[in-house]
Amino acid sequence: MHTMIVYVHVKQEYLEAFIQACKLNHEASVLESGNRRFDVLQSDEDSARLVLYEAYATATDAAAHKNTAHYRLWRDTVAEMMVEPRQGTPYQGLFPNT
């Protein structure tokens, strides 16, 4: 399983709009054939810090996600909403292995 953990720091004035954009991206992403999880997490300590946890069956499925219309819309919509560029770290999922 191919996973990506994306760390995001959102400008406070855009927080609600950012979360809404993530909700729309989440709803479409979980319908992708290779998607296993697409979680949007918000810090208890700082509401402007979020984590996106994405899991796909294969690296090819994860790459295909970046070519979807909903991902491109999310990417373009949130580009100016972040304090700094988002930081994504890829991981190989070990368990569960499906």
PDB file of N, CA and C in Angstrom:
ATOM      1  N   MET A   1       0.848  -1.173   0.000  1.00  0.00           N
ATOM      2  CA  MET A   1       0.000   0.000   0.000  1.00  0.00           C
ATOM      3  C   MET A   1       0.894   1.236   0.000  1.00  0.00           C
ATOM      4  N   HIS A   2       0.505   2.214  -0.789  1.00  0.00           N
ATOM      5  CA  HIS A   2       1.251   3.469  -0.890  1.00  0.00           C
ATOM      6  C   HIS A   2       0.492   4.537  -0.106  1.00  0.00           C
ATOM      7  N   THR A   3       1.170   5.171   0.834  1.00  0.00           N
ATOM      8  CA  THR A   3       0.519   6.205   1.639  1.00  0.00           C
ATOM      9  C   THR A   3       1.292   7.509   1.549  1.00  0.00           C
ATOM     10  N   MET A   4       0.580   8.577   1.821  1.00  0.00           N
ATOM     11  CA  MET A   4       1.181   9.910   1.858  1.00  0.00           C
ATOM     12  C   MET A   4       0.610  10.621   3.073  1.00  0.00           C
ATOM     13  N   ILE A   5       1.487  11.218   3.867  1.00  0.00           N
ATOM     14  CA  ILE A   5       1.058  12.054   4.977  1.00  0.00           C
ATOM     15  C   ILE A   5       1.448  13.480   4.618  1.00  0.00           C
ATOM     16  N   VAL A   6       0.444  14.358   4.556  1.00  0.00           N
ATOM     17  CA  VAL A   6       0.649  15.736   4.123  1.00  0.00           C
ATOM     18  C   VAL A   6       0.373  16.659   5.303  1.00  0.00           C
ATOM     19  N   TYR A   7       1.358  17.466   5.645  1.00  0.00           N
ATOM     20  CA  TYR A   7       1.248  18.405   6.751  1.00  0.00           C
ATOM     21  C   TYR A   7       0.923  19.788   6.187  1.00  0.00           C
ATOM     22  N   VAL A   8      -0.083  20.438   6.764  1.00  0.00           N
ATOM     23  CA  VAL A   8      -0.556  21.713   6.243  1.00  0.00           C
ATOM     24  C   VAL A   8      -0.722  22.707   7.390  1.00  0.00           C
ATOM     25  N   HIS A   9      -0.275  23.928   7.157  1.00  0.00           N
ATOM     26  CA  HIS A   9      -0.484  25.032   8.099  1.00  0.00           C
ATOM     27  C   HIS A   9      -1.294  26.081   7.347  1.00  0.00           C
ATOM     28  N   VAL A  10      -2.524  26.293   7.775  1.00  0.00           N
ATOM     29  CA  VAL A  10      -3.480  27.140   7.064  1.00  0.00           C
ATOM     30  C   VAL A  10      -3.521  28.529   7.702  1.00  0.00           C
ATOM     31  N   LYS A  11      -3.643  29.547   6.854  1.00  0.00           N
ATOM     32  CA  LYS A  11      -3.863  30.900   7.357  1.00  0.00           C
ATOM     33  C   LYS A  11      -5.218  30.925   8.054  1.00  0.00           C
ATOM     34  N   GLN A  12      -5.251  31.445   9.253  1.00  0.00           N
ATOM     35  CA  GLN A  12      -6.449  31.400  10.089  1.00  0.00           C
ATOM     36  C   GLN A  12      -7.690  31.927   9.362  1.00  0.00           C
ATOM     37  N   GLU A  13      -7.543  32.993   8.595  1.00  0.00           N
ATOM     38  CA  GLU A  13      -8.705  33.584   7.925  1.00  0.00           C
ATOM     39  C   GLU A  13      -9.283  32.695   6.819  1.00  0.00           C
ATOM     40  N   TYR A  14      -8.537  31.671   6.412  1.00  0.00           N
ATOM     41  CA  TYR A  14      -9.002  30.760   5.368  1.00  0.00           C
ATOM     42  C   TYR A  14      -9.386  29.381   5.905  1.00  0.00           C
ATOM     43  N   LEU A  15      -9.334  29.210   7.208  1.00  0.00           N
ATOM     44  CA  LEU A  15      -9.504  27.878   7.783  1.00  0.00           C
ATOM     45  C   LEU A  15     -10.818  27.219   7.362  1.00  0.00           C
ATOM     46  N   GLU A  16     -11.932  27.903   7.495  1.00  0.00           N
ATOM     47  CA  GLU A  16     -13.238  27.305   7.134  1.00  0.00           C
ATOM     48  C   GLU A  16     -13.270  26.935   5.657  1.00  0.00           C
ATOM     49  N   ALA A  17     -12.786  27.825   4.795  1.00  0.00           N
ATOM     50  CA  ALA A  17     -12.785  27.562   3.354  1.00  0.00           C
ATOM     51  C   ALA A  17     -11.850  26.407   3.012  1.00  0.00           C
ATOM     52  N   PHE A  18     -10.710  26.336   3.696  1.00  0.00           N
ATOM     53  CA  PHE A  18      -9.770  25.243   3.462  1.00  0.00           C
ATOM     54  C   PHE A  18     -10.402  23.907   3.833  1.00  0.00           C
ATOM     55  N   ILE A  19     -11.034  23.867   4.984  1.00  0.00           N
ATOM     56  CA  ILE A  19     -11.682  22.628   5.426  1.00  0.00           C
ATOM     57  C   ILE A  19     -12.774  22.216   4.452  1.00  0.00           C
ATOM     58  N   GLN A  20     -13.560  23.154   3.967  1.00  0.00           N
ATOM     59  CA  GLN A  20     -14.612  22.832   2.998  1.00  0.00           C
ATOM     60  C   GLN A  20     -14.015  22.286   1.706  1.00  0.00           C
ATOM     61  N   ALA A  21     -12.927  22.889   1.233  1.00  0.00           N
ATOM     62  CA  ALA A  21     -12.265  22.393   0.024  1.00  0.00           C
ATOM     63  C   ALA A  21     -11.742  20.973   0.246  1.00  0.00           C
ATOM     64  N   CYS A  22     -11.210  20.707   1.442  1.00  0.00           N
ATOM     65  CA  CYS A  22     -10.723  19.362   1.767  1.00  0.00           C
ATOM     66  C   CYS A  22     -11.870  18.359   1.828  1.00  0.00           C
ATOM     67  N   LYS A  23     -13.015  18.785   2.335  1.00  0.00           N
ATOM     68  CA  LYS A  23     -14.179  17.904   2.409  1.00  0.00           C
ATOM     69  C   LYS A  23     -14.593  17.466   1.007  1.00  0.00           C
ATOM     70  N   LEU A  24     -14.657  18.400   0.083  1.00  0.00           N
ATOM     71  CA  LEU A  24     -15.036  18.066  -1.289  1.00  0.00           C
ATOM     72  C   LEU A  24     -14.009  17.133  -1.933  1.00  0.00           C
ATOM     73  N   ASN A  25     -12.737  17.404  -1.707  1.00  0.00           N
ATOM     74  CA  ASN A  25     -11.684  16.539  -2.244  1.00  0.00           C
ATOM     75  C   ASN A  25     -11.761  15.148  -1.619  1.00  0.00           C
ATOM     76  N   HIS A  26     -11.980  15.096  -0.321  1.00  0.00           N
ATOM     77  CA  HIS A  26     -12.122  13.813   0.378  1.00  0.00           C
ATOM     78  C   HIS A  26     -13.269  12.994  -0.213  1.00  0.00           C
ATOM     79  N   GLU A  27     -14.440  13.633  -0.359  1.00  0.00           N
ATOM     80  CA  GLU A  27     -15.626  12.918  -0.841  1.00  0.00           C
ATOM     81  C   GLU A  27     -15.415  12.315  -2.223  1.00  0.00           C
ATOM     82  N   ALA A  28     -14.681  13.002  -3.088  1.00  0.00           N
ATOM     83  CA  ALA A  28     -14.405  12.465  -4.418  1.00  0.00           C
ATOM     84  C   ALA A  28     -13.262  11.450  -4.382  1.00  0.00           C
ATOM     85  N   SER A  29     -12.259  11.694  -3.555  1.00  0.00           N
ATOM     86  CA  SER A  29     -11.090  10.815  -3.501  1.00  0.00           C
ATOM     87  C   SER A  29     -11.440   9.415  -3.016  1.00  0.00           C
ATOM     88  N   VAL A  30     -12.324   9.299  -2.036  1.00  0.00           N
ATOM     89  CA  VAL A  30     -12.654   7.972  -1.505  1.00  0.00           C
ATOM     90  C   VAL A  30     -13.419   7.125  -2.523  1.00  0.00           C
ATOM     91  N   LEU A  31     -13.878   7.740  -3.599  1.00  0.00           N
ATOM     92  CA  LEU A  31     -14.560   7.003  -4.662  1.00  0.00           C
ATOM     93  C   LEU A  31     -13.598   6.481  -5.728  1.00  0.00           C
ATOM     94  N   GLU A  32     -12.344   6.906  -5.677  1.00  0.00           N
ATOM     95  CA  GLU A  32     -11.350   6.423  -6.638  1.00  0.00           C
ATOM     96  C   GLU A  32     -11.116   4.933  -6.414  1.00  0.00           C
ATOM     97  N   SER A  33     -10.939   4.188  -7.507  1.00  0.00           N
ATOM     98  CA  SER A  33     -10.852   2.727  -7.402  1.00  0.00           C
ATOM     99  C   SER A  33      -9.695   2.250  -6.534  1.00  0.00           C
ATOM    100  N   GLY A  34      -8.564   2.916  -6.560  1.00  0.00           N
ATOM    101  CA  GLY A  34      -7.413   2.470  -5.772  1.00  0.00           C
ATOM    102  C   GLY A  34      -7.326   3.058  -4.387  1.00  0.00           C
ATOM    103  N   ASN A  35      -8.277   3.911  -4.028  1.00  0.00           N
ATOM    104  CA  ASN A  35      -8.214   4.564  -2.718  1.00  0.00           C
ATOM    105  C   ASN A  35      -8.568   3.599  -1.599  1.00  0.00           C
ATOM    106  N   ARG A  36      -7.784   3.638  -0.541  1.00  0.00           N
ATOM    107  CA  ARG A  36      -8.053   2.826   0.651  1.00  0.00           C
ATOM    108  C   ARG A  36      -8.459   3.697   1.838  1.00  0.00           C
ATOM    109  N   ARG A  37      -7.917   4.908   1.921  1.00  0.00           N
ATOM    110  CA  ARG A  37      -8.267   5.877   2.982  1.00  0.00           C
ATOM    111  C   ARG A  37      -7.941   7.267   2.484  1.00  0.00           C
ATOM    112  N   PHE A  38      -8.697   8.212   2.962  1.00  0.00           N
ATOM    113  CA  PHE A  38      -8.385   9.610   2.702  1.00  0.00           C
ATOM    114  C   PHE A  38      -8.923  10.385   3.893  1.00  0.00           C
ATOM    115  N   ASP A  39      -8.084  10.572   4.888  1.00  0.00           N
ATOM    116  CA  ASP A  39      -8.483  11.204   6.141  1.00  0.00           C
ATOM    117  C   ASP A  39      -7.989  12.642   6.191  1.00  0.00           C
ATOM    118  N   VAL A  40      -8.807  13.512   6.752  1.00  0.00           N
ATOM    119  CA  VAL A  40      -8.435  14.898   6.993  1.00  0.00           C
ATOM    120  C   VAL A  40      -8.482  15.087   8.511  1.00  0.00           C
ATOM    121  N   LEU A  41      -7.335  15.416   9.093  1.00  0.00           N
ATOM    122  CA  LEU A  41      -7.199  15.510  10.542  1.00  0.00           C
ATOM    123  C   LEU A  41      -6.839  16.934  10.936  1.00  0.00           C
ATOM    124  N   GLN A  42      -7.395  17.393  12.058  1.00  0.00           N
ATOM    125  CA  GLN A  42      -7.128  18.737  12.553  1.00  0.00           C
ATOM    126  C   GLN A  42      -6.515  18.637  13.944  1.00  0.00           C
ATOM    127  N   SER A  43      -5.472  19.391  14.184  1.00  0.00           N
ATOM    128  CA  SER A  43      -4.788  19.375  15.467  1.00  0.00           C
ATOM    129  C   SER A  43      -5.692  19.867  16.588  1.00  0.00           C
ATOM    130  N   ASP A  44      -5.648  19.192  17.727  1.00  0.00           N
ATOM    131  CA  ASP A  44      -6.350  19.659  18.924  1.00  0.00           C
ATOM    132  C   ASP A  44      -5.676  20.900  19.510  1.00  0.00           C
ATOM    133  N   GLU A  45      -4.376  21.025  19.287  1.00  0.00           N
ATOM    134  CA  GLU A  45      -3.605  22.114  19.890  1.00  0.00           C
ATOM    135  C   GLU A  45      -3.576  23.384  19.042  1.00  0.00           C
ATOM    136  N   ASP A  46      -3.706  23.235  17.723  1.00  0.00           N
ATOM    137  CA  ASP A  46      -3.661  24.389  16.819  1.00  0.00           C
ATOM    138  C   ASP A  46      -4.575  24.076  15.641  1.00  0.00           C
ATOM    139  N   SER A  47      -5.762  24.658  15.637  1.00  0.00           N
ATOM    140  CA  SER A  47      -6.773  24.328  14.626  1.00  0.00           C
ATOM    141  C   SER A  47      -6.331  24.666  13.210  1.00  0.00           C
ATOM    142  N   ALA A  48      -5.308  25.475  13.047  1.00  0.00           N
ATOM    143  CA  ALA A  48      -4.822  25.845  11.722  1.00  0.00           C
ATOM    144  C   ALA A  48      -3.822  24.829  11.165  1.00  0.00           C
ATOM    145  N   ARG A  49      -3.533  23.796  11.931  1.00  0.00           N
ATOM    146  CA  ARG A  49      -2.616  22.734  11.466  1.00  0.00           C
ATOM    147  C   ARG A  49      -3.430  21.478  11.198  1.00  0.00           C
ATOM    148  N   LEU A  50      -3.312  21.020   9.960  1.00  0.00           N
ATOM    149  CA  LEU A  50      -4.049  19.839   9.533  1.00  0.00           C
ATOM    150  C   LEU A  50      -3.092  18.823   8.940  1.00  0.00           C
ATOM    151  N   VAL A  51      -3.558  17.587   8.911  1.00  0.00           N
ATOM    152  CA  VAL A  51      -2.817  16.500   8.298  1.00  0.00           C
ATOM    153  C   VAL A  51      -3.779  15.776   7.371  1.00  0.00           C
ATOM    154  N   LEU A  52      -3.302  15.490   6.172  1.00  0.00           N
ATOM    155  CA  LEU A  52      -4.055  14.665   5.246  1.00  0.00           C
ATOM    156  C   LEU A  52      -3.358  13.315   5.193  1.00  0.00           C
ATOM    157  N   TYR A  53      -4.118  12.256   5.436  1.00  0.00           N
ATOM    158  CA  TYR A  53      -3.568  10.897   5.369  1.00  0.00           C
ATOM    159  C   TYR A  53      -4.226  10.201   4.190  1.00  0.00           C
ATOM    160  N   GLU A  54      -3.427   9.890   3.181  1.00  0.00           N
ATOM    161  CA  GLU A  54      -3.938   9.286   1.958  1.00  0.00           C
ATOM    162  C   GLU A  54      -3.326   7.898   1.805  1.00  0.00           C
ATOM    163  N   ALA A  55      -4.150   6.920   1.505  1.00  0.00           N
ATOM    164  CA  ALA A  55      -3.648   5.567   1.279  1.00  0.00           C
ATOM    165  C   ALA A  55      -4.256   5.023  -0.016  1.00  0.00           C
ATOM    166  N   TYR A  56      -3.390   4.521  -0.869  1.00  0.00           N
ATOM    167  CA  TYR A  56      -3.793   3.951  -2.152  1.00  0.00           C
ATOM    168  C   TYR A  56      -3.208   2.553  -2.278  1.00  0.00           C
ATOM    169  N   ALA A  57      -3.880   1.715  -3.039  1.00  0.00           N
ATOM    170  CA  ALA A  57      -3.434   0.333  -3.200  1.00  0.00           C
ATOM    171  C   ALA A  57      -2.032   0.270  -3.802  1.00  0.00           C
ATOM    172  N   THR A  58      -1.754   1.153  -4.754  1.00  0.00           N
ATOM    173  CA  THR A  58      -0.445   1.145  -5.413  1.00  0.00           C
ATOM    174  C   THR A  58       0.042   2.572  -5.625  1.00  0.00           C
ATOM    175  N   ALA A  59       1.322   2.696  -5.927  1.00  0.00           N
ATOM    176  CA  ALA A  59       1.888   4.007  -6.258  1.00  0.00           C
ATOM    177  C   ALA A  59       1.243   4.551  -7.529  1.00  0.00           C
ATOM    178  N   THR A  60       0.872   3.688  -8.440  1.00  0.00           N
ATOM    179  CA  THR A  60       0.191   4.112  -9.666  1.00  0.00           C
ATOM    180  C   THR A  60      -1.161   4.735  -9.342  1.00  0.00           C
ATOM    181  N   ASP A  61      -1.891   4.123  -8.396  1.00  0.00           N
ATOM    182  CA  ASP A  61      -3.175   4.686  -7.971  1.00  0.00           C
ATOM    183  C   ASP A  61      -2.979   6.053  -7.324  1.00  0.00           C
ATOM    184  N   ALA A  62      -1.945   6.189  -6.520  1.00  0.00           N
ATOM    185  CA  ALA A  62      -1.662   7.470  -5.863  1.00  0.00           C
ATOM    186  C   ALA A  62      -1.311   8.534  -6.900  1.00  0.00           C
ATOM    187  N   ALA A  63      -0.525   8.166  -7.897  1.00  0.00           N
ATOM    188  CA  ALA A  63      -0.164   9.105  -8.954  1.00  0.00           C
ATOM    189  C   ALA A  63      -1.395   9.500  -9.770  1.00  0.00           C
ATOM    190  N   ALA A  64      -2.287   8.553 -10.009  1.00  0.00           N
ATOM    191  CA  ALA A  64      -3.508   8.842 -10.771  1.00  0.00           C
ATOM    192  C   ALA A  64      -4.377   9.857 -10.033  1.00  0.00           C
ATOM    193  N   HIS A  65      -4.359   9.810  -8.710  1.00  0.00           N
ATOM    194  CA  HIS A  65      -5.130  10.765  -7.911  1.00  0.00           C
ATOM    195  C   HIS A  65      -4.762  12.204  -8.277  1.00  0.00           C
ATOM    196  N   LYS A  66      -3.487  12.445  -8.508  1.00  0.00           N
ATOM    197  CA  LYS A  66      -3.021  13.803  -8.812  1.00  0.00           C
ATOM    198  C   LYS A  66      -3.477  14.287 -10.189  1.00  0.00           C
ATOM    199  N   ASN A  67      -4.006  13.383 -10.996  1.00  0.00           N
ATOM    200  CA  ASN A  67      -4.513  13.750 -12.319  1.00  0.00           C
ATOM    201  C   ASN A  67      -6.023  13.902 -12.362  1.00  0.00           C
ATOM    202  N   THR A  68      -6.688  13.755 -11.225  1.00  0.00           N
ATOM    203  CA  THR A  68      -8.148  13.881 -11.206  1.00  0.00           C
ATOM    204  C   THR A  68      -8.553  15.350 -11.181  1.00  0.00           C
ATOM    205  N   ALA A  69      -9.732  15.610 -11.687  1.00  0.00           N
ATOM    206  CA  ALA A  69     -10.251  16.979 -11.689  1.00  0.00           C
ATOM    207  C   ALA A  69     -10.453  17.484 -10.265  1.00  0.00           C
ATOM    208  N   HIS A  70     -10.919  16.606  -9.355  1.00  0.00           N
ATOM    209  CA  HIS A  70     -11.164  17.072  -7.985  1.00  0.00           C
ATOM    210  C   HIS A  70      -9.867  17.413  -7.260  1.00  0.00           C
ATOM    211  N   TYR A  71      -8.795  16.667  -7.506  1.00  0.00           N
ATOM    212  CA  TYR A  71      -7.512  17.018  -6.884  1.00  0.00           C
ATOM    213  C   TYR A  71      -7.005  18.354  -7.432  1.00  0.00           C
ATOM    214  N   ARG A  72      -7.035  18.522  -8.756  1.00  0.00           N
ATOM    215  CA  ARG A  72      -6.541  19.766  -9.355  1.00  0.00           C
ATOM    216  C   ARG A  72      -7.351  20.961  -8.863  1.00  0.00           C
ATOM    217  N   LEU A  73      -8.668  20.800  -8.707  1.00  0.00           N
ATOM    218  CA  LEU A  73      -9.502  21.877  -8.177  1.00  0.00           C
ATOM    219  C   LEU A  73      -9.092  22.199  -6.742  1.00  0.00           C
ATOM    220  N   TRP A  74      -8.906  21.161  -5.915  1.00  0.00           N
ATOM    221  CA  TRP A  74      -8.473  21.378  -4.524  1.00  0.00           C
ATOM    222  C   TRP A  74      -7.134  22.104  -4.494  1.00  0.00           C
ATOM    223  N   ARG A  75      -6.170  21.591  -5.246  1.00  0.00           N
ATOM    224  CA  ARG A  75      -4.815  22.171  -5.274  1.00  0.00           C
ATOM    225  C   ARG A  75      -4.853  23.655  -5.629  1.00  0.00           C
ATOM    226  N   ASP A  76      -5.597  23.998  -6.661  1.00  0.00           N
ATOM    227  CA  ASP A  76      -5.666  25.391  -7.102  1.00  0.00           C
ATOM    228  C   ASP A  76      -6.447  26.262  -6.116  1.00  0.00           C
ATOM    229  N   THR A  77      -7.491  25.697  -5.524  1.00  0.00           N
ATOM    230  CA  THR A  77      -8.322  26.448  -4.581  1.00  0.00           C
ATOM    231  C   THR A  77      -7.553  26.813  -3.324  1.00  0.00           C
ATOM    232  N   VAL A  78      -6.760  25.883  -2.788  1.00  0.00           N
ATOM    233  CA  VAL A  78      -6.105  26.106  -1.494  1.00  0.00           C
ATOM    234  C   VAL A  78      -4.700  26.703  -1.606  1.00  0.00           C
ATOM    235  N   ALA A  79      -4.223  26.912  -2.797  1.00  0.00           N
ATOM    236  CA  ALA A  79      -2.828  27.343  -2.997  1.00  0.00           C
ATOM    237  C   ALA A  79      -2.446  28.562  -2.167  1.00  0.00           C
ATOM    238  N   GLU A  80      -3.312  29.545  -2.078  1.00  0.00           N
ATOM    239  CA  GLU A  80      -2.990  30.776  -1.358  1.00  0.00           C
ATOM    240  C   GLU A  80      -3.483  30.762   0.090  1.00  0.00           C
ATOM    241  N   MET A  81      -4.083  29.670   0.525  1.00  0.00           N
ATOM    242  CA  MET A  81      -4.657  29.591   1.869  1.00  0.00           C
ATOM    243  C   MET A  81      -3.664  29.134   2.930  1.00  0.00           C
ATOM    244  N   MET A  82      -2.486  28.695   2.508  1.00  0.00           N
ATOM    245  CA  MET A  82      -1.536  28.109   3.436  1.00  0.00           C
ATOM    246  C   MET A  82      -0.458  29.101   3.854  1.00  0.00           C
ATOM    247  N   VAL A  83      -0.028  28.984   5.101  1.00  0.00           N
ATOM    248  CA  VAL A  83       1.051  29.816   5.628  1.00  0.00           C
ATOM    249  C   VAL A  83       2.352  29.511   4.889  1.00  0.00           C
ATOM    250  N   GLU A  84       2.560  28.244   4.601  1.00  0.00           N
ATOM    251  CA  GLU A  84       3.764  27.767   3.924  1.00  0.00           C
ATOM    252  C   GLU A  84       3.347  26.611   3.026  1.00  0.00           C
ATOM    253  N   PRO A  85       4.169  26.229   2.063  1.00  0.00           N
ATOM    254  CA  PRO A  85       3.791  25.112   1.201  1.00  0.00           C
ATOM    255  C   PRO A  85       3.557  23.836   2.016  1.00  0.00           C
ATOM    256  N   ARG A  86       2.572  23.070   1.612  1.00  0.00           N
ATOM    257  CA  ARG A  86       2.291  21.804   2.297  1.00  0.00           C
ATOM    258  C   ARG A  86       3.488  20.866   2.129  1.00  0.00           C
ATOM    259  N   GLN A  87       3.680  20.013   3.118  1.00  0.00           N
ATOM    260  CA  GLN A  87       4.794  19.073   3.114  1.00  0.00           C
ATOM    261  C   GLN A  87       4.253  17.654   3.100  1.00  0.00           C
ATOM    262  N   GLY A  88       4.505  16.926   2.038  1.00  0.00           N
ATOM    263  CA  GLY A  88       4.042  15.548   1.929  1.00  0.00           C
ATOM    264  C   GLY A  88       5.193  14.578   2.062  1.00  0.00           C
ATOM    265  N   THR A  89       4.970  13.523   2.834  1.00  0.00           N
ATOM    266  CA  THR A  89       5.981  12.484   3.012  1.00  0.00           C
ATOM    267  C   THR A  89       5.361  11.145   2.621  1.00  0.00           C
ATOM    268  N   PRO A  90       5.948  10.470   1.628  1.00  0.00           N
ATOM    269  CA  PRO A  90       5.412   9.162   1.233  1.00  0.00           C
ATOM    270  C   PRO A  90       5.889   8.061   2.172  1.00  0.00           C
ATOM    271  N   TYR A  91       5.020   7.076   2.373  1.00  0.00           N
ATOM    272  CA  TYR A  91       5.333   5.894   3.184  1.00  0.00           C
ATOM    273  C   TYR A  91       4.809   4.661   2.468  1.00  0.00           C
ATOM    274  N   GLN A  92       5.433   3.528   2.742  1.00  0.00           N
ATOM    275  CA  GLN A  92       4.905   2.248   2.292  1.00  0.00           C
ATOM    276  C   GLN A  92       4.099   1.665   3.440  1.00  0.00           C
ATOM    277  N   GLY A  93       2.835   1.430   3.220  1.00  0.00           N
ATOM    278  CA  GLY A  93       1.986   0.846   4.251  1.00  0.00           C
ATOM    279  C   GLY A  93       2.321  -0.625   4.442  1.00  0.00           C
ATOM    280  N   LEU A  94       2.551  -1.028   5.666  1.00  0.00           N
ATOM    281  CA  LEU A  94       2.859  -2.427   5.965  1.00  0.00           C
ATOM    282  C   LEU A  94       1.615  -3.184   6.443  1.00  0.00           C
ATOM    283  N   PHE A  95       0.877  -2.606   7.358  1.00  0.00           N
ATOM    284  CA  PHE A  95      -0.328  -3.233   7.904  1.00  0.00           C
ATOM    285  C   PHE A  95      -1.421  -2.201   8.030  1.00  0.00           C
ATOM    286  N   PRO A  96      -2.620  -2.440   7.611  1.00  0.00           N
ATOM    287  CA  PRO A  96      -3.016  -3.653   6.902  1.00  0.00           C
ATOM    288  C   PRO A  96      -2.390  -3.667   5.510  1.00  0.00           C
ATOM    289  N   ASN A  97      -2.278  -4.819   4.961  1.00  0.00           N
ATOM    290  CA  ASN A  97      -1.595  -4.958   3.648  1.00  0.00           C
ATOM    291  C   ASN A  97      -2.592  -5.132   2.503  1.00  0.00           C
ATOM    292  N   THR A  98      -3.793  -4.620   2.681  1.00  0.00           N
ATOM    293  CA  THR A  98      -4.767  -4.681   1.588  1.00  0.00           C
ATOM    294  C   THR A  98      -5.122  -3.306   1.106  1.00  0.00           C
TER     295      THR A  98
END
